[in-house]
Amino acid sequence: MDMGRGSLDAKDAMTVEIVFAFVTGILLAAAVFAAAWIPALLLDVSEQTAKSMLMGGALLGAAAGMWRLVSVLLRFDADRRQGD
């Protein structure tokens, strides 16, 4: 079963793009979460406020990470369809 070199290159490119999207999504989610976590640690806030800040940071981080993942993969698909 011989897949052409072009087909193998396309699969490799897709694998690299998926890993790139996943890693950058995780990094963005971590950065957004840290932006909420650090002030909660440094500021003298009540326990309830700190929990709210952490929950909000987690939700915003998850949303930002998913947005990054989807946007990178959609951009890759659009470029692939145009033949770039």
Protein backbone atom coordinates (compact mmCIF):
# COMPACT_ATOMS: atom_id res chain seq x y z
CA MET A 1 0.00 0.00 0.00
CA ASP A 2 1.99 2.95 -1.28
CA MET A 3 0.73 6.35 -0.33
CA GLY A 4 2.26 9.03 -2.48
CA ARG A 5 4.90 11.33 -1.05
CA GLY A 6 2.45 14.23 -1.30
CA SER A 7 -0.11 12.34 0.74
CA LEU A 8 2.46 11.55 3.42
CA ASP A 9 3.59 15.18 3.50
CA ALA A 10 -0.02 16.32 3.90
CA LYS A 11 -0.53 13.94 6.83
CA ASP A 12 2.70 15.13 8.45
CA ALA A 13 1.68 18.76 8.00
CA MET A 14 -1.70 18.07 9.57
CA THR A 15 -0.06 16.31 12.53
CA VAL A 16 2.31 19.21 13.09
CA GLU A 17 -0.55 21.72 12.85
CA ILE A 18 -2.68 19.79 15.35
CA VAL A 19 0.18 19.63 17.85
CA PHE A 20 0.93 23.33 17.31
CA ALA A 21 -2.73 24.26 17.84
CA PHE A 22 -2.96 22.09 20.96
CA VAL A 23 0.24 23.39 22.56
CA THR A 24 -0.45 27.06 21.84
CA GLY A 25 -4.02 26.60 23.09
CA ILE A 26 -2.73 25.17 26.36
CA LEU A 27 -0.19 27.99 26.74
CA LEU A 28 -2.83 30.64 26.09
CA ALA A 29 -5.22 29.00 28.56
CA ALA A 30 -2.46 28.87 31.19
CA ALA A 31 -1.58 32.53 30.63
CA VAL A 32 -5.20 33.64 30.98
CA PHE A 33 -5.64 31.51 34.10
CA ALA A 34 -2.43 32.92 35.59
CA ALA A 35 -3.67 36.44 34.92
CA ALA A 36 -6.57 35.70 37.27
CA TRP A 37 -4.65 33.51 39.73
CA ILE A 38 -1.75 35.85 40.48
CA PRO A 39 -3.88 38.80 41.64
CA ALA A 40 -5.96 36.42 43.76
CA LEU A 41 -2.77 35.31 45.50
CA LEU A 42 -1.15 38.71 45.84
CA LEU A 43 -4.14 40.81 46.84
CA ASP A 44 -5.73 40.51 50.23
CA VAL A 45 -9.15 39.32 49.09
CA SER A 46 -11.73 37.19 50.83
CA GLU A 47 -11.79 33.45 50.25
CA GLN A 48 -15.03 33.69 48.25
CA THR A 49 -13.58 36.41 46.01
CA ALA A 50 -10.42 34.38 45.46
CA LYS A 51 -12.50 31.32 44.50
CA SER A 52 -14.55 33.44 42.11
CA MET A 53 -11.41 34.87 40.51
CA LEU A 54 -9.95 31.40 40.09
CA MET A 55 -13.17 30.00 38.62
CA GLY A 56 -13.47 32.95 36.26
CA GLY A 57 -9.85 32.54 35.23
CA ALA A 58 -10.37 28.84 34.60
CA LEU A 59 -13.45 29.46 32.47
CA LEU A 60 -11.82 32.28 30.51
CA GLY A 61 -8.65 30.23 30.10
CA ALA A 62 -10.59 27.24 28.77
CA ALA A 63 -12.52 29.45 26.36
CA ALA A 64 -9.34 31.18 25.14
CA GLY A 65 -7.56 27.84 24.68
CA MET A 66 -10.43 26.36 22.70
CA TRP A 67 -10.67 29.51 20.58
CA ARG A 68 -6.96 29.24 19.76
CA LEU A 69 -7.23 25.55 18.91
CA VAL A 70 -10.22 26.01 16.62
CA SER A 71 -8.90 29.15 14.92
CA VAL A 72 -5.52 27.58 14.10
CA LEU A 73 -7.12 24.44 12.67
CA LEU A 74 -9.68 26.40 10.64
CA ARG A 75 -6.93 28.62 9.24
CA PHE A 76 -4.87 25.54 8.33
CA ASP A 77 -7.88 23.96 6.61
CA ALA A 78 -8.59 27.13 4.63
CA ASP A 79 -4.93 27.34 3.54
CA ARG A 80 -4.93 23.66 2.60
CA ARG A 81 -8.05 24.05 0.49
CA GLN A 82 -6.49 26.99 -1.36
CA GLY A 83 -3.40 24.90 -2.03
CA ASP A 84 -0.92 26.96 -0.03
